[in-house]
N, C-alpha and C. Protein backbone atom coordinates (compact mmCIF):
# COMPACT_ATOMS: atom_id res chain seq x y z
N GLY A 1 0.59 -1.13 0.01
CA GLY A 1 -0.03 0.11 0.11
C GLY A 1 0.86 1.19 -0.01
N TRP A 2 0.32 2.19 -0.49
CA TRP A 2 1.03 3.54 -0.30
C TRP A 2 1.09 4.21 1.28
N GLN A 3 2.42 4.41 1.16
CA GLN A 3 2.99 5.44 2.46
C GLN A 3 2.76 6.77 2.09
N LEU A 4 1.69 7.33 3.26
CA LEU A 4 1.48 8.50 2.77
C LEU A 4 1.70 9.49 4.73
N PRO A 5 2.71 9.58 5.09
CA PRO A 5 2.88 9.87 6.47
C PRO A 5 2.64 11.23 6.60
N ASN A 6 2.52 12.14 5.49
CA ASN A 6 2.62 13.67 5.39
C ASN A 6 1.12 14.07 4.89
N LEU A 7 0.34 13.15 4.18
CA LEU A 7 -0.98 13.65 3.66
C LEU A 7 -1.92 14.27 4.90
N LEU A 8 -2.31 15.07 4.65
CA LEU A 8 -3.39 16.12 5.47
C LEU A 8 -4.41 16.23 5.14
N THR A 9 -4.80 16.13 3.96
CA THR A 9 -6.33 15.79 3.48
C THR A 9 -6.29 15.27 2.40
N SER A 10 -7.60 14.55 2.57
CA SER A 10 -8.01 13.74 1.19
C SER A 10 -9.03 14.15 0.59
N SER A 11 -9.75 15.56 1.05
CA SER A 11 -10.86 16.06 0.79
C SER A 11 -10.82 16.26 -1.04
N HIS A 12 -12.30 15.70 -1.12
CA HIS A 12 -12.79 15.80 -2.60
C HIS A 12 -12.08 15.09 -3.65
N MET A 13 -10.84 14.30 -3.24
CA MET A 13 -10.07 13.43 -3.93
C MET A 13 -10.56 12.69 -5.18
N PHE A 14 -11.83 12.12 -4.97
CA PHE A 14 -12.34 11.31 -6.00
C PHE A 14 -13.73 11.97 -6.49
N ARG A 15 -13.98 12.86 -5.87
CA ARG A 15 -15.20 13.39 -5.94
C ARG A 15 -15.50 13.93 -7.81
N GLY A 16 -17.02 13.46 -8.06
CA GLY A 16 -17.32 13.46 -9.43
C GLY A 16 -16.85 12.22 -9.89
N CYS A 17 -16.02 11.29 -9.59
CA CYS A 17 -15.90 10.29 -10.48
C CYS A 17 -17.03 9.14 -10.57
N ASN A 18 -17.86 9.34 -11.37
CA ASN A 18 -18.87 9.49 -11.27
C ASN A 18 -18.99 7.61 -12.26
N SER A 19 -17.95 7.39 -13.17
CA SER A 19 -18.44 5.98 -14.03
C SER A 19 -17.12 5.00 -13.16
N ALA A 20 -16.40 5.68 -12.35
CA ALA A 20 -15.53 4.80 -11.39
C ALA A 20 -15.93 3.62 -10.85
N THR A 21 -16.11 2.68 -11.33
CA THR A 21 -16.57 1.22 -10.20
C THR A 21 -15.68 0.69 -8.92
N PHE A 22 -14.62 1.13 -8.86
CA PHE A 22 -13.38 0.59 -8.61
C PHE A 22 -12.07 1.47 -7.94
N ILE A 23 -12.39 1.76 -6.76
CA ILE A 23 -11.10 2.76 -6.40
C ILE A 23 -10.38 2.27 -5.57
N ASP A 24 -8.92 1.78 -5.59
CA ASP A 24 -8.29 0.96 -4.59
C ASP A 24 -7.20 2.08 -3.69
N VAL A 25 -8.10 1.91 -2.67
CA VAL A 25 -7.42 2.94 -1.55
C VAL A 25 -6.90 1.67 -0.40
N SER A 26 -6.90 0.56 -0.69
CA SER A 26 -6.43 -0.27 0.71
C SER A 26 -5.07 -0.08 0.42
N GLY A 27 -4.51 -0.27 1.77
CA GLY A 27 -3.29 -0.04 1.96
C GLY A 27 -2.67 1.22 2.31
N TRP A 28 -3.27 2.61 2.15
CA TRP A 28 -3.10 3.43 2.46
C TRP A 28 -2.37 3.80 3.98
N TYR A 29 -1.61 4.46 3.90
CA TYR A 29 -1.19 4.75 5.42
C TYR A 29 -1.03 6.12 5.50
N THR A 30 -1.98 6.47 6.70
CA THR A 30 -2.37 8.27 6.62
C THR A 30 -2.48 8.42 7.97
N PRO A 31 -1.46 8.63 8.91
CA PRO A 31 -1.09 8.84 9.94
C PRO A 31 -1.57 10.37 10.41
N SER A 32 -1.31 11.40 9.52
CA SER A 32 -1.75 12.52 9.81
C SER A 32 -2.86 13.41 9.36
N LEU A 33 -3.79 12.41 8.55
CA LEU A 33 -4.73 13.00 7.87
C LEU A 33 -5.63 13.68 8.57
N THR A 34 -6.06 14.83 8.34
CA THR A 34 -7.11 15.68 9.19
C THR A 34 -8.56 15.70 8.72
N SER A 35 -8.87 15.47 7.25
CA SER A 35 -9.73 15.80 6.62
C SER A 35 -10.10 15.04 5.64
N MET A 36 -11.10 14.21 5.73
CA MET A 36 -11.89 13.46 4.39
C MET A 36 -13.04 13.81 3.52
N ASP A 37 -13.27 14.90 3.91
CA ASP A 37 -14.51 15.89 3.48
C ASP A 37 -14.92 15.54 1.89
N GLY A 38 -15.52 14.91 1.63
CA GLY A 38 -16.02 14.98 0.36
C GLY A 38 -15.36 14.08 -0.55
N MET A 39 -14.48 12.74 0.17
CA MET A 39 -13.35 12.29 -0.56
C MET A 39 -14.02 11.31 -1.74
N PHE A 40 -15.50 10.79 -1.58
CA PHE A 40 -16.02 9.99 -2.43
C PHE A 40 -17.50 10.34 -3.31
N HIS A 41 -17.61 11.88 -2.98
CA HIS A 41 -18.75 12.69 -2.95
C HIS A 41 -18.79 12.21 -4.94
N THR A 42 -20.29 11.93 -4.84
CA THR A 42 -21.17 11.54 -5.97
C THR A 42 -20.36 10.62 -6.66
N CYS A 43 -19.47 9.28 -6.17
CA CYS A 43 -19.22 8.35 -7.03
C CYS A 43 -20.08 7.36 -7.32
N LYS A 44 -20.98 7.96 -8.15
CA LYS A 44 -22.43 6.92 -8.05
C LYS A 44 -21.80 5.34 -8.77
N ALA A 45 -20.98 5.37 -9.56
CA ALA A 45 -20.85 4.00 -9.88
C ALA A 45 -19.81 2.95 -8.82
N LEU A 46 -19.23 3.52 -7.96
CA LEU A 46 -18.61 2.62 -6.97
C LEU A 46 -19.71 1.99 -6.17
N THR A 47 -18.92 0.49 -5.98
CA THR A 47 -19.95 -0.19 -5.34
C THR A 47 -19.38 -0.71 -3.88
N GLU A 48 -18.14 -0.63 -3.66
CA GLU A 48 -17.34 -1.24 -2.42
C GLU A 48 -16.21 -0.23 -2.39
N VAL A 49 -15.83 -0.17 -1.26
CA VAL A 49 -14.43 0.45 -1.08
C VAL A 49 -13.76 0.08 0.27
N ASP A 50 -12.52 -0.27 0.39
CA ASP A 50 -11.92 -0.67 1.33
C ASP A 50 -11.01 0.42 2.07
N LEU A 51 -11.64 0.61 3.49
CA LEU A 51 -11.13 2.04 4.02
C LEU A 51 -10.15 1.32 5.27
N SER A 52 -9.97 0.26 5.50
CA SER A 52 -9.68 -0.41 6.69
C SER A 52 -7.83 0.10 7.07
N SER A 53 -7.09 0.65 6.54
CA SER A 53 -5.99 1.00 6.70
C SER A 53 -5.76 2.35 7.05
N PHE A 54 -7.08 3.09 6.83
CA PHE A 54 -6.99 4.36 7.26
C PHE A 54 -6.76 4.95 8.47
N ASP A 55 -5.91 5.79 8.89
CA ASP A 55 -5.78 6.08 10.32
C ASP A 55 -6.82 7.72 10.49
N THR A 56 -7.55 7.61 11.06
CA THR A 56 -8.63 8.59 11.38
C THR A 56 -8.16 8.99 12.61
N SER A 57 -7.53 8.73 13.34
CA SER A 57 -7.50 9.67 14.55
C SER A 57 -7.26 10.72 14.88
N ASN A 58 -6.50 11.71 13.52
CA ASN A 58 -6.22 12.93 13.60
C ASN A 58 -7.40 13.91 12.82
N CYS A 59 -8.42 13.13 11.96
CA CYS A 59 -9.42 13.93 11.40
C CYS A 59 -10.31 14.87 12.14
N THR A 60 -10.43 15.84 11.84
CA THR A 60 -11.47 16.54 12.62
C THR A 60 -12.54 16.71 11.56
N GLU A 61 -12.57 16.43 10.47
CA GLU A 61 -13.69 16.45 9.25
C GLU A 61 -13.94 15.32 8.06
N LEU A 62 -14.82 14.43 8.75
CA LEU A 62 -15.41 13.27 8.10
C LEU A 62 -16.83 13.59 7.77
N SER A 63 -16.79 14.74 7.07
CA SER A 63 -18.67 15.35 6.31
C SER A 63 -18.28 14.69 4.83
N GLN A 64 -19.50 14.53 4.37
CA GLN A 64 -19.92 14.33 2.96
C GLN A 64 -18.90 13.45 2.19
N ILE A 65 -18.59 12.19 2.99
CA ILE A 65 -17.16 11.70 2.45
C ILE A 65 -18.08 10.56 1.39
N PHE A 66 -19.10 10.26 1.56
CA PHE A 66 -19.70 9.46 0.49
C PHE A 66 -21.72 10.10 0.25
N ASP A 67 -21.19 11.54 0.38
CA ASP A 67 -22.57 12.17 -0.24
C ASP A 67 -22.98 11.76 -1.52
N HIS A 68 -24.06 11.12 -1.59
CA HIS A 68 -24.46 10.83 -2.93
C HIS A 68 -23.88 9.72 -3.94
N ALA A 69 -22.97 9.15 -3.03
CA ALA A 69 -22.09 8.17 -3.78
C ALA A 69 -23.36 7.00 -3.97
N THR A 70 -24.37 6.83 -4.84
CA THR A 70 -25.72 6.12 -4.74
C THR A 70 -25.40 4.55 -4.85
N GLY A 71 -24.16 4.55 -5.27
CA GLY A 71 -23.99 2.85 -6.14
C GLY A 71 -23.61 2.18 -4.73
N ILE A 72 -22.96 2.77 -3.76
CA ILE A 72 -22.06 1.96 -2.84
C ILE A 72 -22.95 0.94 -2.08
N LYS A 73 -22.26 0.01 -1.99
CA LYS A 73 -23.14 -1.30 -0.88
C LYS A 73 -22.69 -1.38 0.26
N ARG A 74 -20.99 -1.37 0.28
CA ARG A 74 -20.55 -1.95 1.51
C ARG A 74 -19.31 -0.85 1.53
N VAL A 75 -18.72 -0.58 2.95
CA VAL A 75 -17.38 0.19 3.04
C VAL A 75 -16.56 -0.90 4.09
N LYS A 76 -15.53 -1.29 3.61
CA LYS A 76 -14.87 -1.77 4.52
C LYS A 76 -13.86 -0.76 5.20
N GLY A 77 -13.93 -1.28 6.60
CA GLY A 77 -12.75 -1.05 7.51
C GLY A 77 -13.72 0.13 8.72
N LEU A 78 -14.70 0.53 8.18
CA LEU A 78 -15.43 1.59 9.07
C LEU A 78 -15.56 1.24 10.70
N GLU A 79 -15.69 -0.19 11.10
CA GLU A 79 -15.63 -0.55 12.51
C GLU A 79 -13.94 -0.27 12.93
N LYS A 80 -12.93 0.06 12.07
CA LYS A 80 -11.63 0.15 12.71
C LYS A 80 -11.60 1.74 12.84
N TRP A 81 -12.32 2.82 12.80
CA TRP A 81 -12.11 3.95 12.90
C TRP A 81 -11.96 4.87 14.20
N ASP A 82 -11.03 5.38 14.18
CA ASP A 82 -10.77 6.08 15.36
C ASP A 82 -11.23 7.51 15.25
N THR A 83 -12.78 7.92 15.62
CA THR A 83 -13.09 9.10 15.29
C THR A 83 -13.24 10.12 16.09
N SER A 84 -12.24 10.01 17.36
CA SER A 84 -12.45 10.71 18.70
C SER A 84 -12.11 12.20 18.39
N ASN A 85 -11.56 12.64 17.44
CA ASN A 85 -11.29 13.69 17.15
C ASN A 85 -12.11 14.57 16.35
N CYS A 86 -13.10 14.30 15.80
CA CYS A 86 -13.77 14.49 14.84
C CYS A 86 -14.63 15.51 15.19
N ARG A 87 -14.98 16.77 14.65
CA ARG A 87 -15.99 17.60 15.29
C ARG A 87 -16.95 17.92 13.97
N THR A 88 -16.85 17.21 12.72
CA THR A 88 -18.30 17.24 12.03
C THR A 88 -18.04 16.00 11.11
N PHE A 89 -19.80 15.35 11.23
CA PHE A 89 -20.20 14.28 10.34
C PHE A 89 -21.25 14.62 9.17
N GLU A 90 -21.07 15.85 9.24
CA GLU A 90 -22.39 16.54 8.41
C GLU A 90 -22.57 15.80 6.99
N GLU A 91 -23.56 15.45 6.15
CA GLU A 91 -23.89 14.67 5.14
C GLU A 91 -22.79 13.49 5.00
N THR A 92 -22.31 12.68 5.84
CA THR A 92 -21.22 11.69 5.92
C THR A 92 -21.72 10.53 5.14
N PHE A 93 -22.83 10.46 5.16
CA PHE A 93 -23.57 9.15 4.27
C PHE A 93 -24.71 9.53 3.56
N ALA A 94 -25.04 10.72 3.56
CA ALA A 94 -26.11 11.17 2.92
C ALA A 94 -26.74 10.41 1.26
N GLY A 95 -27.39 10.33 0.89
CA GLY A 95 -27.68 9.84 -0.31
C GLY A 95 -27.14 8.02 -0.53
N CYS A 96 -26.72 7.69 0.41
CA CYS A 96 -26.43 6.58 0.11
C CYS A 96 -27.45 5.23 0.20
N SER A 97 -28.11 5.54 -0.82
CA SER A 97 -29.59 4.68 -0.93
C SER A 97 -29.70 3.21 -1.09
N ALA A 98 -28.27 2.72 -1.67
CA ALA A 98 -27.73 1.25 -2.06
C ALA A 98 -26.94 0.50 -0.83
N LEU A 99 -26.32 1.35 0.32
CA LEU A 99 -25.59 0.94 1.35
C LEU A 99 -26.38 -0.21 2.14
N GLU A 100 -26.22 -1.52 2.23
CA GLU A 100 -26.78 -2.42 2.84
C GLU A 100 -26.23 -2.61 4.20
N GLU A 101 -25.07 -1.90 5.32
CA GLU A 101 -25.09 -2.16 6.13
C GLU A 101 -24.14 -1.35 6.65
N LEU A 102 -23.81 -0.54 7.80
CA LEU A 102 -23.34 0.28 8.34
C LEU A 102 -22.91 -0.24 9.73
N ASP A 103 -21.11 -0.46 10.22
CA ASP A 103 -20.67 -1.00 11.37
C ASP A 103 -19.94 0.41 12.23
N LEU A 104 -20.56 1.06 13.02
CA LEU A 104 -20.25 2.07 13.86
C LEU A 104 -19.63 1.79 14.90
N SER A 105 -19.38 0.72 15.24
CA SER A 105 -19.13 0.39 16.44
C SER A 105 -17.73 0.93 17.53
N SER A 106 -17.17 1.31 16.25
CA SER A 106 -15.75 2.16 17.04
C SER A 106 -15.61 3.70 16.96
N PHE A 107 -16.99 3.98 16.05
CA PHE A 107 -17.03 5.68 16.17
C PHE A 107 -17.29 5.89 17.74
N ASN A 108 -16.45 7.42 18.04
CA ASN A 108 -16.61 8.06 18.94
C ASN A 108 -17.18 9.66 18.69
N THR A 109 -18.29 9.79 18.95
CA THR A 109 -18.66 11.28 18.45
C THR A 109 -18.78 12.00 19.65
N ARG A 110 -18.11 11.82 20.89
CA ARG A 110 -18.35 12.66 21.64
C ARG A 110 -17.65 14.00 21.80
N ASN A 111 -16.95 14.55 20.44
CA ASN A 111 -16.33 16.03 20.34
C ASN A 111 -17.20 16.46 18.86
N VAL A 112 -18.03 15.84 18.64
CA VAL A 112 -18.71 16.90 17.32
C VAL A 112 -19.44 17.65 17.48
N GLU A 113 -19.02 19.26 17.18
CA GLU A 113 -19.74 20.45 17.41
C GLU A 113 -20.77 20.92 16.94
N ASN A 114 -21.63 21.74 17.34
CA ASN A 114 -22.76 22.29 16.96
C ASN A 114 -22.59 22.65 15.52
N ALA A 115 -21.64 23.76 15.42
CA ALA A 115 -20.88 24.37 14.18
C ALA A 115 -19.50 24.59 14.33
N PHE A 116 -18.97 23.89 13.45
CA PHE A 116 -17.55 23.87 13.60
C PHE A 116 -16.84 24.41 12.22
N TYR A 117 -16.08 25.46 12.86
CA TYR A 117 -15.69 26.56 11.76
C TYR A 117 -14.18 27.45 12.18
N PRO A 118 -13.51 27.49 11.23
CA PRO A 118 -13.43 26.79 9.59
C PRO A 118 -13.29 25.89 10.02
N MET A 119 -14.03 24.98 8.28
CA MET A 119 -13.24 23.77 8.12
C MET A 119 -12.30 24.09 6.86
N GLN A 120 -11.42 23.09 6.70
CA GLN A 120 -10.49 23.30 5.67
C GLN A 120 -10.67 23.92 4.49
N ASN A 121 -11.75 23.95 3.97
CA ASN A 121 -12.74 24.87 2.69
C ASN A 121 -12.96 26.09 3.05
N GLY A 122 -13.27 26.39 4.38
CA GLY A 122 -13.33 27.91 4.60
C GLY A 122 -14.89 27.66 4.88
N SER A 123 -15.83 26.66 5.20
CA SER A 123 -17.17 26.78 5.22
C SER A 123 -17.28 26.08 6.76
N THR A 124 -18.76 26.15 7.12
CA THR A 124 -18.82 25.27 8.27
C THR A 124 -19.59 23.98 8.31
N GLY A 125 -19.06 23.32 9.22
CA GLY A 125 -19.72 21.89 9.43
C GLY A 125 -20.57 21.68 10.62
N TRP A 126 -21.60 21.39 9.88
CA TRP A 126 -23.24 21.30 11.30
C TRP A 126 -23.28 20.34 11.74
N GLY A 127 -22.29 19.76 12.77
CA GLY A 127 -22.54 18.68 13.63
C GLY A 127 -22.79 17.44 12.97
N PHE A 128 -24.00 16.66 13.14
CA PHE A 128 -24.27 15.53 12.37
C PHE A 128 -25.26 16.08 11.37
N ARG A 129 -25.49 17.03 10.92
CA ARG A 129 -26.84 17.27 9.99
C ARG A 129 -26.87 16.60 8.56
N ASN A 130 -27.81 15.90 8.49
CA ASN A 130 -28.23 14.94 7.28
C ASN A 130 -27.14 13.95 7.31
N MET A 131 -26.69 13.64 7.79
CA MET A 131 -25.50 12.31 8.23
C MET A 131 -26.01 11.17 7.61
N PHE A 132 -27.05 10.87 7.56
CA PHE A 132 -27.68 9.64 7.31
C PHE A 132 -29.11 10.13 5.84
N SER A 133 -29.16 11.20 5.72
CA SER A 133 -30.44 11.49 4.79
C SER A 133 -30.74 10.58 3.58
N SER A 134 -31.59 10.46 3.21
CA SER A 134 -32.14 9.69 2.11
C SER A 134 -31.76 7.89 1.90
N MET A 135 -31.47 7.85 3.36
CA MET A 135 -31.22 6.53 3.49
C MET A 135 -32.50 5.36 4.02
N SER A 136 -33.34 6.20 4.67
CA SER A 136 -34.37 5.29 5.30
C SER A 136 -35.42 4.61 4.29
N ASN A 137 -35.63 3.21 4.62
CA ASN A 137 -36.58 2.60 3.54
C ASN A 137 -35.91 2.27 2.73
N LYS A 138 -34.77 2.10 2.50
CA LYS A 138 -33.79 1.80 1.14
C LYS A 138 -33.30 0.18 0.99
N SER A 139 -32.14 0.33 1.19
CA SER A 139 -31.29 -1.05 1.47
C SER A 139 -30.84 -1.54 2.38
N LEU A 140 -30.59 -0.55 3.40
CA LEU A 140 -30.08 -0.87 4.76
C LEU A 140 -30.24 -1.76 5.47
N LYS A 141 -29.52 -2.98 5.85
CA LYS A 141 -29.97 -4.19 6.39
C LYS A 141 -29.69 -4.27 8.05
N LYS A 142 -28.02 -3.94 8.31
CA LYS A 142 -27.93 -3.84 9.50
C LYS A 142 -26.86 -2.55 9.94
N LEU A 143 -27.00 -2.36 11.29
CA LEU A 143 -26.69 -1.20 12.04
C LEU A 143 -25.85 -1.65 13.27
N VAL A 144 -24.77 -1.34 13.00
CA VAL A 144 -24.10 -2.05 14.68
C VAL A 144 -23.70 -0.13 15.21
N ILE A 145 -23.67 0.25 16.19
CA ILE A 145 -23.69 1.14 17.12
C ILE A 145 -22.69 0.87 18.34
N GLY A 146 -21.90 1.86 18.52
CA GLY A 146 -21.01 1.66 19.72
C GLY A 146 -21.11 2.47 20.78
N ALA A 147 -20.44 2.35 22.07
CA ALA A 147 -20.82 2.84 23.33
C ALA A 147 -20.63 4.09 23.42
N ASP A 148 -19.55 4.57 22.28
CA ASP A 148 -19.29 5.96 22.47
C ASP A 148 -19.89 6.66 21.27
N PHE A 149 -21.04 6.31 20.78
CA PHE A 149 -21.50 7.09 19.59
C PHE A 149 -22.40 7.88 20.44
N SER A 150 -22.33 9.27 20.66
CA SER A 150 -23.32 9.71 21.09
C SER A 150 -24.33 10.66 19.97
N PHE A 151 -25.26 10.86 20.00
CA PHE A 151 -26.07 11.48 19.26
C PHE A 151 -25.93 12.72 18.91
N ASP A 152 -25.39 13.70 20.28
CA ASP A 152 -25.26 15.40 20.24
C ASP A 152 -24.17 15.81 20.84
N GLY A 153 -22.94 14.74 20.51
CA GLY A 153 -21.61 15.44 20.67
C GLY A 153 -21.36 15.58 22.42
N ASP A 154 -22.03 14.51 23.07
CA ASP A 154 -22.24 15.04 24.71
C ASP A 154 -22.64 16.27 25.00
N GLY A 155 -23.62 16.56 24.28
CA GLY A 155 -24.25 17.73 24.75
C GLY A 155 -23.88 18.94 23.96
N LYS A 156 -23.04 19.04 23.33
CA LYS A 156 -22.41 20.42 22.40
C LYS A 156 -22.84 20.40 21.18
N VAL A 157 -23.47 19.30 20.90
CA VAL A 157 -24.54 19.79 19.58
C VAL A 157 -25.85 20.02 20.13
N THR A 158 -26.32 21.32 20.01
CA THR A 158 -27.25 22.04 20.48
C THR A 158 -28.82 22.18 19.58
N ASP A 159 -28.60 22.09 18.47
CA ASP A 159 -29.43 22.30 17.46
C ASP A 159 -30.00 21.13 16.88
N ALA A 160 -31.66 21.15 17.11
CA ALA A 160 -32.26 19.68 16.69
C ALA A 160 -31.63 19.27 15.13
N ASP A 161 -31.67 20.26 14.49
CA ASP A 161 -31.22 19.63 13.15
C ASP A 161 -29.99 19.06 12.77
N ASN A 162 -29.04 19.40 13.84
CA ASN A 162 -27.54 19.01 14.02
C ASN A 162 -27.38 17.57 14.55
N LYS A 163 -28.13 17.16 15.16
CA LYS A 163 -28.05 16.11 16.08
C LYS A 163 -28.59 14.96 14.93
N VAL A 164 -27.66 13.68 15.42
CA VAL A 164 -28.21 12.48 14.99
C VAL A 164 -29.65 12.13 14.34
N THR A 165 -29.85 11.82 13.48
CA THR A 165 -31.23 11.30 12.75
C THR A 165 -30.95 9.88 12.04
N LEU A 166 -31.01 8.74 13.15
CA LEU A 166 -30.74 7.44 12.54
C LEU A 166 -31.71 6.96 11.62
N PRO A 167 -31.29 6.09 10.31
CA PRO A 167 -32.36 5.52 9.05
C PRO A 167 -32.72 4.52 9.77
N ASN A 168 -34.23 4.63 9.04
CA ASN A 168 -35.23 3.16 9.52
C ASN A 168 -34.45 2.27 8.28
N PRO A 169 -34.93 0.93 8.45
CA PRO A 169 -34.20 -0.19 7.89
C PRO A 169 -34.96 0.04 6.77
N GLY A 170 -34.36 -1.11 5.81
CA GLY A 170 -35.05 -1.22 4.18
C GLY A 170 -36.05 -2.15 4.30
N PRO A 171 -36.87 -2.41 3.43
CA PRO A 171 -37.92 -3.32 3.50
C PRO A 171 -37.33 -4.90 3.27
N ILE A 172 -38.09 -5.74 3.33
CA ILE A 172 -37.80 -7.59 3.00
C ILE A 172 -38.80 -7.57 2.45
N ASP A 173 -38.89 -8.38 1.41
CA ASP A 173 -39.61 -9.02 0.44
C ASP A 173 -41.20 -7.99 0.16
N GLY A 174 -40.61 -6.52 0.12
CA GLY A 174 -41.82 -5.73 0.10
C GLY A 174 -42.60 -5.43 1.23
N GLN A 175 -41.93 -6.10 2.59
CA GLN A 175 -42.74 -5.45 3.86
C GLN A 175 -42.23 -4.89 4.66
N ALA A 176 -42.42 -3.63 5.33
CA ALA A 176 -41.87 -2.63 6.18
C ALA A 176 -41.10 -3.40 7.57
N THR A 177 -40.17 -3.02 7.43
CA THR A 177 -39.09 -3.73 9.06
C THR A 177 -39.03 -2.69 9.66
N LYS A 178 -38.54 -3.05 11.08
CA LYS A 178 -38.06 -2.13 12.14
C LYS A 178 -36.51 -2.83 12.17
N TRP A 179 -36.01 -2.10 13.17
CA TRP A 179 -34.64 -2.67 13.86
C TRP A 179 -34.83 -3.78 14.93
N TYR A 180 -34.04 -4.69 14.72
CA TYR A 180 -34.28 -5.63 15.74
C TYR A 180 -33.06 -6.05 16.54
N ASN A 181 -32.92 -6.11 18.03
CA ASN A 181 -31.98 -6.09 18.37
C ASN A 181 -32.16 -7.48 19.21
N GLU A 182 -31.23 -8.39 18.75
CA GLU A 182 -31.42 -10.13 19.23
C GLU A 182 -31.14 -10.17 20.70
N ALA A 183 -29.81 -9.09 21.11
CA ALA A 183 -29.86 -9.33 22.51
C ALA A 183 -30.91 -8.70 23.47
N ASN A 184 -32.01 -8.06 23.03
CA ASN A 184 -32.50 -7.91 24.16
C ASN A 184 -34.02 -8.19 23.75
N ASP A 185 -34.43 -8.78 22.18
CA ASP A 185 -35.29 -9.12 21.80
C ASP A 185 -36.47 -8.34 21.62
N THR A 186 -35.81 -7.17 21.27
CA THR A 186 -36.64 -5.60 21.02
C THR A 186 -36.76 -5.11 19.53
N TYR A 187 -37.62 -4.79 18.93
CA TYR A 187 -37.83 -3.96 17.76
C TYR A 187 -37.77 -2.29 17.91
N TYR A 188 -37.04 -1.69 17.11
CA TYR A 188 -36.83 -0.51 17.73
C TYR A 188 -37.34 0.28 16.28
N ASP A 189 -37.95 1.54 15.73
CA ASP A 189 -38.02 2.56 15.53
C ASP A 189 -36.58 3.20 15.11
N ALA A 190 -36.30 3.71 14.17
CA ALA A 190 -34.81 4.35 14.33
C ALA A 190 -34.67 5.80 15.33
N SER A 191 -35.89 6.09 15.70
CA SER A 191 -35.60 7.14 16.69
C SER A 191 -36.05 6.81 17.85
N GLU A 192 -36.06 5.59 18.19
CA GLU A 192 -36.09 4.81 19.46
C GLU A 192 -34.99 4.29 19.87
N ILE A 193 -34.20 4.23 18.96
CA ILE A 193 -32.60 3.53 19.21
C ILE A 193 -31.77 4.42 20.38
N PRO A 194 -31.45 3.98 21.32
CA PRO A 194 -30.76 4.57 22.23
C PRO A 194 -29.52 4.96 22.08
N GLU A 195 -28.67 6.22 22.52
CA GLU A 195 -27.12 6.35 22.48
C GLU A 195 -26.40 5.72 23.31
N GLU A 196 -25.31 5.56 22.89
CA GLU A 196 -23.86 5.52 23.55
C GLU A 196 -24.34 3.73 24.38
N ILE A 197 -25.03 3.11 23.52
CA ILE A 197 -25.42 1.41 24.18
C ILE A 197 -24.81 0.90 23.22
N ALA A 198 -23.77 0.25 23.09
CA ALA A 198 -23.20 -1.17 21.90
C ALA A 198 -24.36 -2.32 21.57
N ALA A 199 -24.54 -1.86 20.29
CA ALA A 199 -25.69 -3.11 20.29
C ALA A 199 -25.54 -3.53 18.53
N VAL A 200 -26.30 -4.56 18.20
CA VAL A 200 -26.12 -4.84 16.54
C VAL A 200 -28.00 -4.96 16.29
N TYR A 201 -28.18 -4.06 15.32
CA TYR A 201 -29.43 -4.00 14.89
C TYR A 201 -29.28 -4.88 13.50
N VAL A 202 -30.30 -5.53 13.18
CA VAL A 202 -30.85 -5.86 11.67
C VAL A 202 -32.22 -5.83 11.45
N ALA A 203 -32.22 -5.47 10.23
CA ALA A 203 -33.69 -5.22 9.37
C ALA A 203 -34.70 -6.73 10.02
N LYS A 204 -36.09 -6.59 10.53
CA LYS A 204 -36.82 -7.62 10.35
C LYS A 204 -38.17 -7.44 10.42
N VAL A 205 -39.08 -7.90 9.91
CA VAL A 205 -40.27 -8.04 9.76
C VAL A 205 -40.86 -8.13 11.12
N PRO A 206 -41.39 -7.09 12.05
CA PRO A 206 -42.18 -7.15 13.36
C PRO A 206 -42.97 -8.21 13.05
N PRO A 207 -43.72 -8.85 14.27
CA PRO A 207 -44.78 -9.87 14.07
C PRO A 207 -45.86 -9.28 14.29
N VAL A 208 -46.94 -9.55 13.71
CA VAL A 208 -48.27 -8.89 13.72
C VAL A 208 -48.85 -9.61 15.30
N ASN A 209 -49.30 -8.38 15.87
CA ASN A 209 -50.18 -8.52 17.10
C ASN A 209 -51.45 -9.22 16.57
N PRO A 210 -51.97 -10.23 17.44
CA PRO A 210 -53.39 -11.04 17.52
C PRO A 210 -54.36 -9.78 17.79
């Protein structure tokens, strides 16, 4: 893999590569990376990407990484990311209507701010605004949340529009589903999932009450 110890930003690196079906960034070594803003924005033909080697421990901007990458089904390596220094996740997965699973078990969102300014592009990152927009009731079938996933940056995100709004799962055989946690045998609407409790949720058609 590429050794990139001095790379500070991958912001908009592949933005608009609409016809690229495969982008090989596996093995990239990125210990100094501070921004991935818009890295795969509108990569509509991309179906899978492996980011498991990325060191995100210094990243403050993880916004719009996959914004409207409408063909992507899987992102490998998210479960390894250290996001403890991230200040904004605005539109990170917005429009990822083909995404089938999200493992955010390692995500620490306690330092996300209501308004992070200035970002490296001179704009403002608005907390978690639209982090998962246009994903509800589409393809997502599995969601993993970690114990450090705060929906409001431990109280720093004060505007309702900038807090986490989780997506609802996609249908199964045309039937509406809910998030099901096998560990406690409970069905949830996305809005009912508790923060900062590690759990695995899968899409499941709830039983019909007699």
